[in-house]
Amino acid sequence: MLKLRRPLFWDIKESDIEKVIAESPEWVIPRVFDYGTLADIREVINLYGEEKTKEMLSRNKMKPLVRSMAYLFLQFDPENRYAS
């Protein structure tokens, strides 16, 4: 469960992590894709759903690794970098 992954939320008070996860997907999703493990990425997709995850990722300029993970996990490629 994401709230147990303290290293992902090093800059948030431990008592606030659950609230942040519930109320700030626009912050949590990119954070998990940037710093989380493969299991964390799966968890965030399960928590917020594929469409919400795609929406939140598309609001930010994705780093190369995030872009790759978005494509691998969600077949999401808003910049058409992986089009054949």
Protein backbone atom coordinates (compact mmCIF):
# COMPACT_ATOMS: atom_id res chain seq x y z
CA MET A 1 0.00 0.00 0.00
CA LEU A 2 1.35 3.41 -0.96
CA LYS A 3 0.90 4.99 2.46
CA LEU A 4 3.39 2.46 3.80
CA ARG A 5 6.05 3.50 1.27
CA ARG A 6 7.57 6.29 3.35
CA PRO A 7 10.52 6.87 0.93
CA LEU A 8 8.07 8.08 -1.74
CA PHE A 9 6.81 10.81 0.57
CA TRP A 10 10.02 11.92 2.28
CA ASP A 11 8.91 15.57 2.27
CA ILE A 12 5.44 14.99 3.75
CA LYS A 13 4.70 14.50 7.44
CA GLU A 14 3.88 10.85 8.03
CA SER A 15 0.53 11.79 9.55
CA ASP A 16 -0.43 13.62 6.32
CA ILE A 17 0.45 10.90 3.79
CA GLU A 18 -2.98 9.28 3.71
CA LYS A 19 -4.67 12.66 3.20
CA VAL A 20 -2.27 13.59 0.40
CA ILE A 21 -2.90 10.27 -1.36
CA ALA A 22 -6.65 10.77 -1.09
CA GLU A 23 -6.75 14.44 -2.12
CA SER A 24 -3.79 15.07 -4.44
CA PRO A 25 -3.55 12.58 -7.31
CA GLU A 26 -2.03 15.33 -9.48
CA TRP A 27 0.97 15.29 -7.15
CA VAL A 28 1.05 11.62 -6.08
CA ILE A 29 0.89 9.98 -9.52
CA PRO A 30 3.90 11.75 -11.08
CA ARG A 31 5.82 11.27 -7.82
CA VAL A 32 5.23 7.52 -7.87
CA PHE A 33 6.14 7.24 -11.56
CA ASP A 34 9.33 9.26 -10.88
CA TYR A 35 10.53 7.51 -7.73
CA GLY A 36 8.48 4.38 -7.13
CA THR A 37 9.14 0.75 -7.79
CA LEU A 38 7.24 -1.28 -10.39
CA ALA A 39 4.95 -2.47 -7.58
CA ASP A 40 4.32 1.16 -6.54
CA ILE A 41 3.37 2.06 -10.11
CA ARG A 42 0.94 -0.85 -10.27
CA GLU A 43 -0.52 0.24 -6.93
CA VAL A 44 -1.04 3.84 -8.03
CA ILE A 45 -2.78 2.67 -11.23
CA ASN A 46 -5.03 0.37 -9.18
CA LEU A 47 -5.75 3.15 -6.69
CA TYR A 48 -6.65 5.92 -9.14
CA GLY A 49 -7.57 3.95 -12.25
CA GLU A 50 -6.02 4.04 -15.70
CA GLU A 51 -7.87 7.09 -17.00
CA LYS A 52 -7.11 9.28 -13.97
CA THR A 53 -3.47 8.16 -14.05
CA LYS A 54 -3.16 9.03 -17.75
CA GLU A 55 -4.83 12.39 -17.17
CA MET A 56 -2.46 13.31 -14.34
CA LEU A 57 0.62 12.19 -16.27
CA SER A 58 -0.43 14.17 -19.34
CA ARG A 59 -0.52 17.38 -17.29
CA ASN A 60 3.22 17.25 -16.73
CA LYS A 61 6.20 17.03 -19.04
CA MET A 62 7.21 13.43 -18.55
CA LYS A 63 10.81 12.45 -17.97
CA PRO A 64 12.09 9.70 -20.30
CA LEU A 65 11.76 6.96 -17.68
CA VAL A 66 8.24 8.08 -16.73
CA ARG A 67 7.28 8.15 -20.40
CA SER A 68 8.56 4.58 -20.80
CA MET A 69 6.69 3.36 -17.71
CA ALA A 70 3.49 5.08 -18.88
CA TYR A 71 3.78 3.28 -22.19
CA LEU A 72 4.61 -0.10 -20.65
CA PHE A 73 1.90 -0.01 -17.98
CA LEU A 74 -0.82 1.98 -19.74
CA GLN A 75 0.07 1.93 -23.47
CA PHE A 76 -0.04 5.71 -23.01
CA ASP A 77 2.06 7.72 -25.45
CA PRO A 78 0.74 11.28 -25.71
CA GLU A 79 3.84 12.45 -27.60
CA ASN A 80 3.72 9.54 -30.07
CA ARG A 81 7.30 8.62 -29.35
CA TYR A 82 6.66 4.89 -29.56
CA ALA A 83 4.38 4.88 -32.60
CA SER A 84 5.37 2.38 -35.23
